[in-house]
N, C-alpha and C. Protein backbone atom coordinates (compact mmCIF):
# COMPACT_ATOMS: atom_id res chain seq x y z
N MET A 1 1.02 -1.67 -0.34
CA MET A 1 -0.36 0.18 -0.63
C MET A 1 0.85 0.98 -0.74
N ARG A 2 0.30 2.47 -0.97
CA ARG A 2 1.31 3.60 -0.54
C ARG A 2 0.30 4.41 0.84
N VAL A 3 1.29 5.21 1.94
CA VAL A 3 1.62 5.13 3.10
C VAL A 3 2.11 7.00 3.00
N VAL A 4 1.18 7.44 3.95
CA VAL A 4 1.62 9.12 3.72
C VAL A 4 2.65 9.17 5.96
N LEU A 5 2.83 9.33 6.03
CA LEU A 5 3.61 10.42 7.29
C LEU A 5 3.45 11.20 7.73
N VAL A 6 2.49 11.77 8.98
CA VAL A 6 2.66 12.45 9.19
C VAL A 6 3.29 12.66 11.34
N GLU A 7 4.39 12.53 11.57
CA GLU A 7 5.40 12.80 12.37
C GLU A 7 5.82 13.88 12.28
N ASP A 8 5.86 14.94 13.03
CA ASP A 8 7.60 15.85 13.37
C ASP A 8 8.63 15.37 13.64
N HIS A 9 9.05 14.09 14.06
CA HIS A 9 10.22 13.70 14.81
C HIS A 9 10.94 12.79 13.10
N HIS A 10 12.25 13.89 13.23
CA HIS A 10 12.61 13.27 11.19
C HIS A 10 13.08 11.30 11.63
N LEU A 11 13.99 11.02 12.85
CA LEU A 11 14.43 9.31 12.94
C LEU A 11 13.05 9.19 13.33
N VAL A 12 11.98 8.75 13.96
CA VAL A 12 11.00 7.96 14.20
C VAL A 12 9.98 8.18 12.68
N ARG A 13 10.14 8.83 11.52
CA ARG A 13 9.78 9.21 10.93
C ARG A 13 10.61 8.05 9.35
N LYS A 14 11.91 7.86 10.21
CA LYS A 14 13.00 7.83 8.34
C LYS A 14 12.96 6.57 9.61
N GLY A 15 12.55 6.13 10.83
CA GLY A 15 12.30 4.65 11.24
C GLY A 15 10.86 4.09 10.32
N LEU A 16 10.43 4.23 10.78
CA LEU A 16 8.64 4.05 9.94
C LEU A 16 9.05 4.31 8.71
N ARG A 17 9.67 4.48 7.84
CA ARG A 17 9.86 4.44 6.24
C ARG A 17 10.38 2.77 6.23
N LEU A 18 11.24 2.92 7.21
CA LEU A 18 12.22 1.46 6.98
C LEU A 18 11.51 -0.17 6.82
N LEU A 19 10.40 -0.32 7.75
CA LEU A 19 10.06 -0.49 8.42
C LEU A 19 8.16 -0.52 7.00
N LEU A 20 8.03 -0.40 6.95
CA LEU A 20 7.46 0.02 5.85
C LEU A 20 7.75 -0.36 4.68
N GLU A 21 8.81 -0.53 4.16
CA GLU A 21 9.70 -0.52 2.46
C GLU A 21 9.75 -1.72 3.21
N GLU A 22 10.21 -2.51 3.85
CA GLU A 22 10.79 -3.38 4.32
C GLU A 22 9.36 -4.30 4.12
N GLY A 23 9.11 -4.25 4.38
CA GLY A 23 7.45 -4.95 4.90
C GLY A 23 6.43 -4.96 3.93
N GLY A 24 7.47 -4.04 2.20
CA GLY A 24 6.18 -4.30 0.76
C GLY A 24 5.27 -2.66 0.26
N HIS A 25 6.05 -2.13 1.35
CA HIS A 25 4.66 -1.31 1.46
C HIS A 25 5.38 0.56 1.15
N GLN A 26 4.79 1.32 0.66
CA GLN A 26 5.50 2.50 -0.10
C GLN A 26 5.49 3.63 0.42
N VAL A 27 6.15 4.96 0.76
CA VAL A 27 5.79 6.34 1.88
C VAL A 27 5.93 6.55 0.46
N ALA A 28 4.96 7.66 0.43
CA ALA A 28 3.83 8.47 -0.66
C ALA A 28 4.53 9.60 -0.91
N ALA A 29 5.04 10.03 0.86
CA ALA A 29 4.81 10.89 1.11
C ALA A 29 6.02 11.51 2.46
N GLU A 30 5.95 12.82 3.08
CA GLU A 30 5.84 12.25 4.19
C GLU A 30 5.94 14.12 4.38
N PHE A 31 5.16 14.11 6.22
CA PHE A 31 5.50 15.49 6.83
C PHE A 31 5.16 15.41 8.12
N ALA A 32 5.72 17.13 8.41
CA ALA A 32 6.87 17.21 10.27
C ALA A 32 5.24 17.62 10.64
N THR A 33 3.98 17.95 9.72
CA THR A 33 2.78 19.07 10.10
C THR A 33 1.95 18.42 9.69
N ALA A 34 0.60 18.46 10.35
CA ALA A 34 -0.62 17.72 10.15
C ALA A 34 -0.88 19.43 8.85
N GLU A 35 -0.73 20.33 8.06
CA GLU A 35 -1.69 21.46 8.01
C GLU A 35 -0.21 21.58 6.48
N GLU A 36 0.73 21.10 6.41
CA GLU A 36 1.76 20.72 5.42
C GLU A 36 1.07 19.42 4.70
N ALA A 37 0.41 18.66 5.31
CA ALA A 37 -0.22 16.87 4.68
C ALA A 37 -1.18 18.00 4.38
N LEU A 38 -2.29 18.65 5.56
CA LEU A 38 -3.13 18.56 4.55
C LEU A 38 -3.23 19.98 3.31
N ALA A 39 -2.28 20.54 3.38
CA ALA A 39 -2.14 21.00 2.16
C ALA A 39 -1.73 20.59 0.84
N ALA A 40 -0.62 19.65 0.97
CA ALA A 40 0.16 19.25 -0.39
C ALA A 40 -1.24 17.90 -1.04
N PRO A 41 -0.54 17.73 -3.15
CA PRO A 41 -1.11 17.29 -3.63
C PRO A 41 -0.11 15.43 -3.07
N TRP A 42 -1.58 14.69 -2.23
CA TRP A 42 -0.96 13.41 -2.78
C TRP A 42 -1.94 12.02 -2.35
N GLU A 43 -1.93 11.39 -3.42
CA GLU A 43 -2.47 9.82 -3.17
C GLU A 43 -1.86 8.76 -3.28
N ALA A 44 -2.78 8.70 -1.73
CA ALA A 44 -2.56 7.10 -0.56
C ALA A 44 -3.48 6.00 -0.41
N GLU A 45 -3.39 5.41 0.49
CA GLU A 45 -4.78 4.12 1.07
C GLU A 45 -4.17 4.16 2.16
N VAL A 46 -3.12 4.70 3.23
CA VAL A 46 -3.40 4.26 4.57
C VAL A 46 -2.51 5.39 4.75
N VAL A 47 -2.57 6.80 5.55
CA VAL A 47 -1.93 8.45 6.60
C VAL A 47 -2.08 7.51 7.96
N LEU A 48 -0.30 7.28 8.78
CA LEU A 48 0.02 7.25 9.95
C LEU A 48 -0.08 8.66 10.68
N LEU A 49 -0.42 8.89 11.18
CA LEU A 49 0.13 10.31 11.88
C LEU A 49 -0.24 10.31 13.36
N ASP A 50 0.50 10.27 14.45
CA ASP A 50 1.25 11.20 15.25
C ASP A 50 -0.26 12.17 15.79
N LEU A 51 0.02 11.92 17.01
CA LEU A 51 -1.69 12.75 17.58
C LEU A 51 -0.98 14.14 18.47
N SER A 52 0.47 14.17 18.03
CA SER A 52 1.02 15.45 19.36
C SER A 52 2.31 15.74 18.76
N LEU A 53 1.46 16.84 17.97
CA LEU A 53 2.01 17.93 16.15
C LEU A 53 2.17 19.57 16.88
N PRO A 54 3.17 20.04 16.74
CA PRO A 54 3.34 20.95 16.42
C PRO A 54 2.33 21.60 15.66
N GLY A 55 1.39 22.73 15.50
CA GLY A 55 0.65 23.38 15.38
C GLY A 55 -0.74 22.67 15.74
N MET A 56 -1.50 22.31 14.34
CA MET A 56 -2.48 21.86 14.41
C MET A 56 -2.58 20.40 14.89
N GLY A 57 -2.87 20.26 15.81
CA GLY A 57 -2.57 18.73 16.61
C GLY A 57 -3.14 17.39 15.39
N GLY A 58 -3.64 16.68 15.59
CA GLY A 58 -3.75 15.24 15.49
C GLY A 58 -4.96 14.92 15.42
N LEU A 59 -5.33 15.03 16.20
CA LEU A 59 -6.45 14.69 16.76
C LEU A 59 -7.62 16.12 15.35
N GLU A 60 -7.02 17.00 15.81
CA GLU A 60 -8.13 18.56 14.30
C GLU A 60 -8.06 17.96 12.93
N ALA A 61 -6.59 17.43 12.99
CA ALA A 61 -6.81 17.28 11.21
C ALA A 61 -7.26 15.40 10.59
N LEU A 62 -7.28 14.93 12.40
CA LEU A 62 -7.78 13.63 11.75
C LEU A 62 -9.15 12.79 10.77
N PRO A 63 -10.31 14.28 10.55
CA PRO A 63 -11.69 15.17 10.54
C PRO A 63 -11.17 14.76 8.95
N HIS A 64 -10.44 15.65 8.72
CA HIS A 64 -9.95 15.98 7.60
C HIS A 64 -9.23 15.11 6.64
N LEU A 65 -7.73 14.73 6.98
CA LEU A 65 -7.20 13.48 6.62
C LEU A 65 -7.82 12.32 6.76
N THR A 66 -9.25 11.63 7.64
CA THR A 66 -10.09 10.34 6.74
C THR A 66 -10.91 11.09 5.06
N ARG A 67 -11.00 11.82 4.59
CA ARG A 67 -11.74 12.18 3.95
C ARG A 67 -11.16 11.85 2.55
N ARG A 68 -9.80 11.81 2.44
CA ARG A 68 -7.94 11.22 1.59
C ARG A 68 -8.16 9.86 1.71
N ALA A 69 -7.50 9.43 3.05
CA ALA A 69 -7.23 8.00 3.08
C ALA A 69 -7.70 7.46 4.34
N ARG A 70 -7.37 6.60 4.82
CA ARG A 70 -7.52 5.58 6.15
C ARG A 70 -7.07 6.06 6.93
N VAL A 71 -7.13 5.90 8.18
CA VAL A 71 -5.83 6.93 9.08
C VAL A 71 -5.89 5.89 10.35
N LEU A 72 -4.69 5.36 10.22
CA LEU A 72 -4.03 4.33 12.04
C LEU A 72 -2.72 5.48 12.71
N VAL A 73 -3.12 5.60 13.90
CA VAL A 73 -3.31 7.06 14.44
C VAL A 73 -1.46 6.10 15.18
N VAL A 74 -0.81 5.96 15.46
CA VAL A 74 0.57 6.07 16.09
C VAL A 74 0.91 6.88 16.59
N SER A 75 0.39 6.76 17.64
CA SER A 75 1.28 7.62 19.60
C SER A 75 0.89 7.13 20.80
N MET A 76 2.68 7.64 20.84
CA MET A 76 3.04 7.94 22.29
C MET A 76 0.91 7.82 23.30
N HIS A 77 0.56 8.82 23.31
CA HIS A 77 -0.50 8.74 24.37
C HIS A 77 -1.40 7.82 24.09
N ASP A 78 -1.30 6.02 24.97
CA ASP A 78 -2.43 5.15 24.75
C ASP A 78 -3.67 5.18 25.57
N GLU A 79 -3.40 6.81 26.37
CA GLU A 79 -5.02 7.01 27.72
C GLU A 79 -6.43 6.32 26.72
N PRO A 80 -7.38 6.08 27.73
CA PRO A 80 -8.56 5.89 26.88
C PRO A 80 -8.96 6.39 26.22
N ALA A 81 -8.95 7.51 26.75
CA ALA A 81 -9.65 8.65 26.54
C ALA A 81 -8.96 10.09 25.22
N TYR A 82 -7.68 8.82 24.70
CA TYR A 82 -7.30 10.18 23.38
C TYR A 82 -7.82 8.63 22.47
N VAL A 83 -8.15 7.15 22.53
CA VAL A 83 -7.48 6.47 21.71
C VAL A 83 -9.17 6.20 21.03
N ALA A 84 -10.49 6.37 22.15
CA ALA A 84 -12.29 7.06 21.79
C ALA A 84 -12.33 7.75 21.30
N ARG A 85 -11.77 9.08 21.47
CA ARG A 85 -11.98 10.55 20.59
C ARG A 85 -10.55 9.29 19.22
N ALA A 86 -9.99 9.26 18.97
CA ALA A 86 -9.73 9.00 17.71
C ALA A 86 -10.75 8.26 16.76
N PHE A 87 -11.48 7.35 17.01
CA PHE A 87 -11.44 6.38 16.60
C PHE A 87 -13.65 7.06 16.32
N GLN A 88 -13.62 7.90 17.05
CA GLN A 88 -15.52 8.80 17.36
C GLN A 88 -14.68 9.42 16.07
N LEU A 89 -13.58 10.42 16.31
CA LEU A 89 -13.87 11.40 14.91
C LEU A 89 -12.87 10.43 13.66
N GLY A 90 -12.99 9.06 13.59
CA GLY A 90 -12.77 8.46 12.08
C GLY A 90 -11.70 7.83 11.71
N ALA A 91 -10.29 7.36 12.90
CA ALA A 91 -9.25 6.92 13.14
C ALA A 91 -10.06 4.78 12.07
N LYS A 92 -8.90 4.62 11.33
CA LYS A 92 -9.54 3.11 11.21
C LYS A 92 -8.54 3.03 12.39
N GLY A 93 -8.16 2.61 12.90
CA GLY A 93 -6.90 1.71 13.07
C GLY A 93 -5.89 3.18 14.37
N TYR A 94 -5.38 2.69 15.43
CA TYR A 94 -5.09 2.91 16.99
C TYR A 94 -3.75 2.34 17.22
N LEU A 95 -2.26 2.82 17.51
CA LEU A 95 -0.92 1.95 17.33
C LEU A 95 0.01 2.49 18.37
N PRO A 96 -0.09 2.05 19.98
CA PRO A 96 1.57 2.68 20.36
C PRO A 96 2.26 2.60 19.98
N LYS A 97 3.63 3.75 20.18
CA LYS A 97 4.52 3.95 20.15
C LYS A 97 5.48 2.91 20.38
N HIS A 98 5.40 2.34 21.21
CA HIS A 98 5.53 0.93 22.54
C HIS A 98 5.69 -0.27 21.47
N ALA A 99 4.49 -0.19 20.29
CA ALA A 99 4.25 -1.48 19.62
C ALA A 99 5.16 -2.07 19.33
N LEU A 100 5.67 -3.86 18.01
CA LEU A 100 7.00 -3.89 17.90
C LEU A 100 6.33 -3.78 16.46
N ASP A 101 7.20 -3.33 15.76
CA ASP A 101 7.47 -3.74 14.33
C ASP A 101 6.63 -4.47 13.46
N GLN A 102 6.01 -5.97 14.17
CA GLN A 102 5.69 -7.04 13.58
C GLN A 102 3.65 -5.86 13.63
N GLU A 103 3.98 -5.66 14.67
CA GLU A 103 2.64 -5.07 14.97
C GLU A 103 2.05 -4.21 14.23
N LEU A 104 2.96 -2.69 13.29
CA LEU A 104 2.56 -2.26 12.38
C LEU A 104 1.95 -2.68 11.39
N LEU A 105 2.72 -3.86 11.07
CA LEU A 105 2.27 -4.61 9.90
C LEU A 105 1.12 -5.50 9.68
N GLU A 106 0.45 -5.71 11.12
CA GLU A 106 -0.57 -6.29 11.16
C GLU A 106 -1.41 -5.51 11.10
N ALA A 107 -0.75 -4.08 11.64
CA ALA A 107 -2.45 -4.13 11.54
C ALA A 107 -2.28 -2.38 10.24
N LEU A 108 -1.76 -2.78 9.25
CA LEU A 108 -1.57 -2.19 7.60
C LEU A 108 -2.53 -3.58 7.55
N ASP A 109 -2.06 -4.20 7.26
CA ASP A 109 -2.65 -5.15 6.70
C ASP A 109 -3.98 -5.68 7.05
N ARG A 110 -4.95 -5.53 8.02
CA ARG A 110 -5.92 -5.28 9.22
C ARG A 110 -6.66 -3.80 7.63
N LEU A 111 -6.32 -2.68 7.44
CA LEU A 111 -6.86 -1.53 7.52
C LEU A 111 -7.30 -1.87 5.63
N ALA A 112 -5.76 -3.01 4.62
CA ALA A 112 -5.83 -3.12 3.41
C ALA A 112 -7.14 -4.30 3.00
N ARG A 113 -7.88 -5.16 4.44
CA ARG A 113 -9.05 -5.68 4.13
C ARG A 113 -10.39 -5.58 4.39
N GLY A 114 -10.55 -3.87 4.40
CA GLY A 114 -10.90 -2.95 5.28
C GLY A 114 -11.41 -3.41 6.63
N LEU A 115 -10.99 -3.64 7.19
CA LEU A 115 -11.02 -3.85 8.88
C LEU A 115 -10.07 -2.95 10.06
N ARG A 116 -10.60 -2.34 10.46
CA ARG A 116 -9.86 -1.40 11.45
C ARG A 116 -9.07 -2.74 12.54
N TYR A 117 -8.12 -1.58 13.68
CA TYR A 117 -7.26 -1.77 14.63
C TYR A 117 -7.23 -1.20 15.50
N LEU A 118 -6.78 -2.15 16.35
CA LEU A 118 -6.66 -1.87 17.88
C LEU A 118 -5.37 -2.74 18.59
N HIS A 119 -4.39 -2.29 19.14
CA HIS A 119 -2.87 -3.76 19.74
C HIS A 119 -4.19 -3.66 20.68
N PRO A 120 -3.67 -5.06 21.09
CA PRO A 120 -3.98 -5.44 22.40
C PRO A 120 -4.09 -4.66 23.44
N SER A 121 -2.51 -4.41 23.31
CA SER A 121 -2.67 -3.55 24.91
C SER A 121 -4.02 -2.10 25.27
N LEU A 122 -4.13 -1.55 24.50
CA LEU A 122 -5.23 -0.88 24.52
C LEU A 122 -6.40 -1.53 25.09
N THR A 123 -6.74 -2.38 24.07
CA THR A 123 -8.52 -3.20 24.20
C THR A 123 -8.64 -2.62 26.03
N GLU A 124 -8.21 -3.74 26.54
CA GLU A 124 -8.57 -3.94 27.62
C GLU A 124 -8.73 -2.35 28.41
N ALA A 125 -7.07 -1.16 28.47
CA ALA A 125 -7.43 -0.16 29.15
C ALA A 125 -9.17 0.89 28.70
N LEU A 126 -9.06 0.11 26.81
CA LEU A 126 -10.45 0.67 26.19
C LEU A 126 -11.82 0.91 27.55
N LEU A 127 -12.08 -0.50 27.68
CA LEU A 127 -13.02 -1.13 28.17
C LEU A 127 -13.64 -0.31 29.56
N GLU A 128 -12.39 -0.58 30.13
CA GLU A 128 -12.08 -0.31 31.35
C GLU A 128 -12.51 1.11 32.39
N GLY A 129 -11.37 2.26 30.78
CA GLY A 129 -11.66 2.71 31.77
C GLY A 129 -12.82 3.63 31.03
N GLN A 130 -11.96 5.36 31.24
CA GLN A 130 -13.45 6.32 31.15
C GLN A 130 -13.26 7.45 29.04
N VAL A 131 -13.83 6.92 28.73
CA VAL A 131 -13.92 7.15 27.35
C VAL A 131 -14.81 8.70 26.92
N THR A 132 -15.34 9.42 28.69
CA THR A 132 -15.56 10.89 28.13
C THR A 132 -13.88 11.27 28.36
N PRO A 133 -13.64 12.18 27.10
CA PRO A 133 -11.83 12.31 27.89
C PRO A 133 -12.30 12.92 28.59
N GLY A 134 -10.51 13.28 29.72
CA GLY A 134 -10.71 14.26 30.35
C GLY A 134 -9.83 15.29 30.47
N PRO A 135 -8.93 16.45 31.31
CA PRO A 135 -8.34 17.11 30.80
C PRO A 135 -7.75 16.84 30.09
N GLU A 136 -6.68 15.91 30.60
CA GLU A 136 -5.23 16.05 30.41
C GLU A 136 -5.32 15.50 28.45
N ILE A 137 -6.13 15.51 27.53
CA ILE A 137 -6.06 15.38 26.99
C ILE A 137 -6.53 17.42 26.35
N LEU A 138 -5.97 18.09 26.37
CA LEU A 138 -6.34 19.07 26.22
C LEU A 138 -5.19 19.93 26.76
N SER A 139 -4.81 20.99 26.06
CA SER A 139 -3.68 21.65 26.43
C SER A 139 -4.12 22.86 27.01
N GLU A 140 -2.64 23.28 27.72
CA GLU A 140 -3.32 24.29 28.73
C GLU A 140 -4.00 25.46 28.34
N ARG A 141 -3.88 25.92 27.42
CA ARG A 141 -4.01 27.26 26.54
C ARG A 141 -5.96 26.56 26.61
N GLU A 142 -5.89 25.99 25.53
CA GLU A 142 -7.52 25.37 25.57
C GLU A 142 -7.96 24.95 26.76
N LYS A 143 -7.79 24.43 28.09
CA LYS A 143 -8.02 24.55 29.68
C LYS A 143 -8.44 26.00 29.83
N ALA A 144 -7.35 26.68 29.63
CA ALA A 144 -7.26 28.29 30.11
C ALA A 144 -8.56 29.00 29.94
N VAL A 145 -8.64 29.05 29.28
CA VAL A 145 -9.94 29.48 27.81
C VAL A 145 -12.17 28.70 28.83
N VAL A 146 -11.14 26.89 28.49
CA VAL A 146 -12.21 26.33 29.48
C VAL A 146 -12.49 26.73 30.60
N ALA A 147 -11.89 26.62 31.33
CA ALA A 147 -11.87 27.09 32.26
C ALA A 147 -12.77 28.29 33.64
N LEU A 148 -11.46 29.24 32.65
CA LEU A 148 -12.57 31.16 33.11
C LEU A 148 -13.52 30.94 32.24
N LEU A 149 -14.73 29.82 31.15
CA LEU A 149 -16.21 30.04 30.76
C LEU A 149 -17.13 29.30 31.66
N ALA A 150 -16.14 28.33 32.15
CA ALA A 150 -17.14 27.58 33.42
C ALA A 150 -17.04 28.81 33.97
N GLN A 151 -15.75 29.41 35.05
CA GLN A 151 -16.45 30.21 35.57
C GLN A 151 -16.70 31.58 36.20
N GLY A 152 -18.04 31.17 34.80
CA GLY A 152 -18.46 32.52 33.75
C GLY A 152 -18.25 33.65 33.22
N TYR A 153 -17.21 33.93 33.10
CA TYR A 153 -17.05 34.93 32.21
C TYR A 153 -16.37 34.66 30.59
N SER A 154 -16.92 35.70 29.89
CA SER A 154 -17.05 35.91 28.58
C SER A 154 -16.17 35.10 27.55
N LEU A 155 -16.74 34.84 26.70
CA LEU A 155 -15.52 34.89 25.84
C LEU A 155 -14.18 35.79 25.62
N SER A 156 -14.41 37.79 25.97
CA SER A 156 -13.86 38.57 25.41
C SER A 156 -13.36 38.72 26.69
N GLN A 157 -14.04 38.64 28.00
CA GLN A 157 -13.50 38.28 28.34
C GLN A 157 -12.16 37.53 29.43
N ALA A 158 -12.04 36.14 29.02
CA ALA A 158 -11.92 35.21 28.88
C ALA A 158 -10.27 35.23 28.23
N ALA A 159 -10.82 36.18 27.08
CA ALA A 159 -9.45 36.94 26.44
C ALA A 159 -8.44 37.67 26.60
N GLU A 160 -9.55 38.33 27.40
CA GLU A 160 -7.92 39.91 27.44
C GLU A 160 -8.03 39.26 29.20
N ARG A 161 -8.40 38.77 30.20
CA ARG A 161 -7.27 37.59 30.97
C ARG A 161 -6.18 37.64 30.94
N LEU A 162 -6.44 36.49 29.41
CA LEU A 162 -5.03 35.54 29.48
C LEU A 162 -4.91 36.30 27.76
N GLY A 163 -4.52 36.91 27.48
CA GLY A 163 -3.97 38.55 27.07
C GLY A 163 -4.10 38.34 25.52
N VAL A 164 -5.22 37.56 24.91
CA VAL A 164 -4.84 36.57 24.11
C VAL A 164 -6.61 37.54 22.94
N SER A 165 -6.00 37.62 21.31
CA SER A 165 -7.03 37.72 20.65
C SER A 165 -8.53 37.12 21.06
N VAL A 166 -9.83 37.96 20.90
CA VAL A 166 -11.16 37.12 21.12
C VAL A 166 -11.29 36.10 19.71
N LYS A 167 -10.12 36.05 18.98
CA LYS A 167 -10.93 34.57 18.23
C LYS A 167 -9.25 34.22 18.39
N THR A 168 -9.15 33.80 19.24
CA THR A 168 -7.34 33.11 18.94
C THR A 168 -8.46 32.94 20.17
N ALA A 169 -9.32 33.34 21.42
CA ALA A 169 -9.45 32.65 22.20
C ALA A 169 -10.58 31.71 22.16
N SER A 170 -11.60 31.81 20.53
CA SER A 170 -13.03 30.90 19.93
C SER A 170 -11.52 29.76 19.88
N THR A 171 -10.70 30.14 19.23
CA THR A 171 -9.88 29.68 18.65
C THR A 171 -9.60 27.36 19.33
N TYR A 172 -9.53 28.45 20.92
CA TYR A 172 -9.23 26.97 21.84
C TYR A 172 -10.27 26.46 22.46
N LYS A 173 -11.62 27.83 21.76
CA LYS A 173 -12.64 27.07 21.84
C LYS A 173 -13.31 26.22 21.65
N GLY A 174 -13.45 26.35 20.18
CA GLY A 174 -13.45 25.32 19.21
C GLY A 174 -12.59 23.80 18.83
N ARG A 175 -11.53 24.35 19.38
CA ARG A 175 -10.80 22.90 19.29
C ARG A 175 -10.93 21.80 20.65
N ALA A 176 -11.55 22.78 21.50
CA ALA A 176 -12.39 22.28 23.09
C ALA A 176 -12.67 21.46 22.39
N LEU A 177 -14.00 21.99 21.80
CA LEU A 177 -15.45 21.49 21.48
C LEU A 177 -14.73 19.81 21.22
N ASN A 178 -13.93 20.10 20.08
CA ASN A 178 -13.91 19.66 18.89
C ASN A 178 -13.20 17.80 19.19
N LYS A 179 -11.95 17.88 20.22
CA LYS A 179 -11.17 17.19 20.87
C LYS A 179 -12.88 16.62 21.61
N LEU A 180 -13.10 17.02 22.80
CA LEU A 180 -14.00 16.33 23.96
C LEU A 180 -15.36 16.34 23.55
N GLY A 181 -15.92 16.24 21.77
CA GLY A 181 -16.93 15.57 20.92
C GLY A 181 -18.22 16.37 22.03
N LEU A 182 -17.82 17.48 21.81
CA LEU A 182 -19.51 18.33 22.81
C LEU A 182 -19.63 19.30 21.70
N MET A 183 -20.92 19.77 21.62
CA MET A 183 -21.58 20.58 20.44
C MET A 183 -21.46 22.00 20.79
N ASP A 184 -21.15 22.62 22.35
CA ASP A 184 -21.90 24.05 22.23
C ASP A 184 -21.11 24.40 24.02
N THR A 185 -21.24 25.10 24.15
CA THR A 185 -20.41 26.39 24.99
C THR A 185 -20.92 25.61 26.38
N PRO A 186 -22.82 25.77 27.30
CA PRO A 186 -23.07 25.08 28.31
C PRO A 186 -22.59 23.76 27.94
N ASP A 187 -21.87 22.78 27.35
CA ASP A 187 -21.88 21.94 27.78
C ASP A 187 -20.66 21.74 28.07
N LEU A 188 -19.01 22.33 26.91
CA LEU A 188 -18.74 22.89 27.72
C LEU A 188 -18.59 23.59 28.67
N VAL A 189 -18.65 23.54 29.81
CA VAL A 189 -19.26 24.56 30.77
C VAL A 189 -20.04 23.34 31.80
N ARG A 190 -20.33 22.94 31.70
CA ARG A 190 -20.88 21.11 32.28
C ARG A 190 -19.71 20.48 32.84
N TRP A 191 -19.17 20.57 31.03
CA TRP A 191 -18.00 19.20 31.23
C TRP A 191 -17.01 19.97 31.89
N ALA A 192 -16.94 21.16 31.94
CA ALA A 192 -15.53 21.40 33.16
C ALA A 192 -16.02 21.45 34.96
N ARG A 193 -17.16 21.65 34.91
CA ARG A 193 -17.42 22.00 36.12
C ARG A 193 -17.55 20.25 36.68
N GLU A 194 -17.45 19.14 35.96
CA GLU A 194 -17.77 17.75 36.56
C GLU A 194 -16.18 17.48 36.56
N HIS A 195 -15.47 18.67 35.43
CA HIS A 195 -13.88 18.26 36.08
C HIS A 195 -13.54 18.32 36.57
N GLY A 196 -14.15 18.87 37.58
CA GLY A 196 -13.58 20.25 39.06
C GLY A 196 -12.30 21.61 38.29
N LEU A 197 -12.82 22.13 36.55
CA LEU A 197 -12.15 23.11 36.42
C LEU A 197 -12.81 24.98 36.06
N ALA A 198 -14.22 23.73 37.23
CA ALA A 198 -14.05 25.36 37.36
C ALA A 198 -13.62 26.31 38.91
């Protein structure tokens, strides 16, 4: 299969490329950021996506990438919240970075057959864990905006307190809604209070 790599660490990309080529796959393109991947013209069957990227995060990019290829998340984040959210946003597989090389090839084989893949080490955690994402899924800025909204501040007041523009604060709020799978500000405020951010 043709595979696109979206991973900001050069050494990790190089290692993945070697594994994929040894397994008979072709690396169609490599990108260090989600923005580069979304802007570039490429054709592939699968995208290997890291979640911790500079700029636009992997979770935010996921719905856009799934329109172009099947997405296999390869991440150091193995918390149930990340796994559940990735699948909600359209990922076809999730592989922790501590996985073995053979497991990467098995994951790709499952995706090639139209199946989903979840690494065995994540299955039990996902079943037992809290699948509603917790505060750890948000960046510090996103968390700060959400906390201020939950404390009764308006978006413009929150922006002023954080020293950012209203547009920037709105972007943080939108990213938080997207990551948490929530619809609007009241949902966000309720979630923040349930998780001790208010």
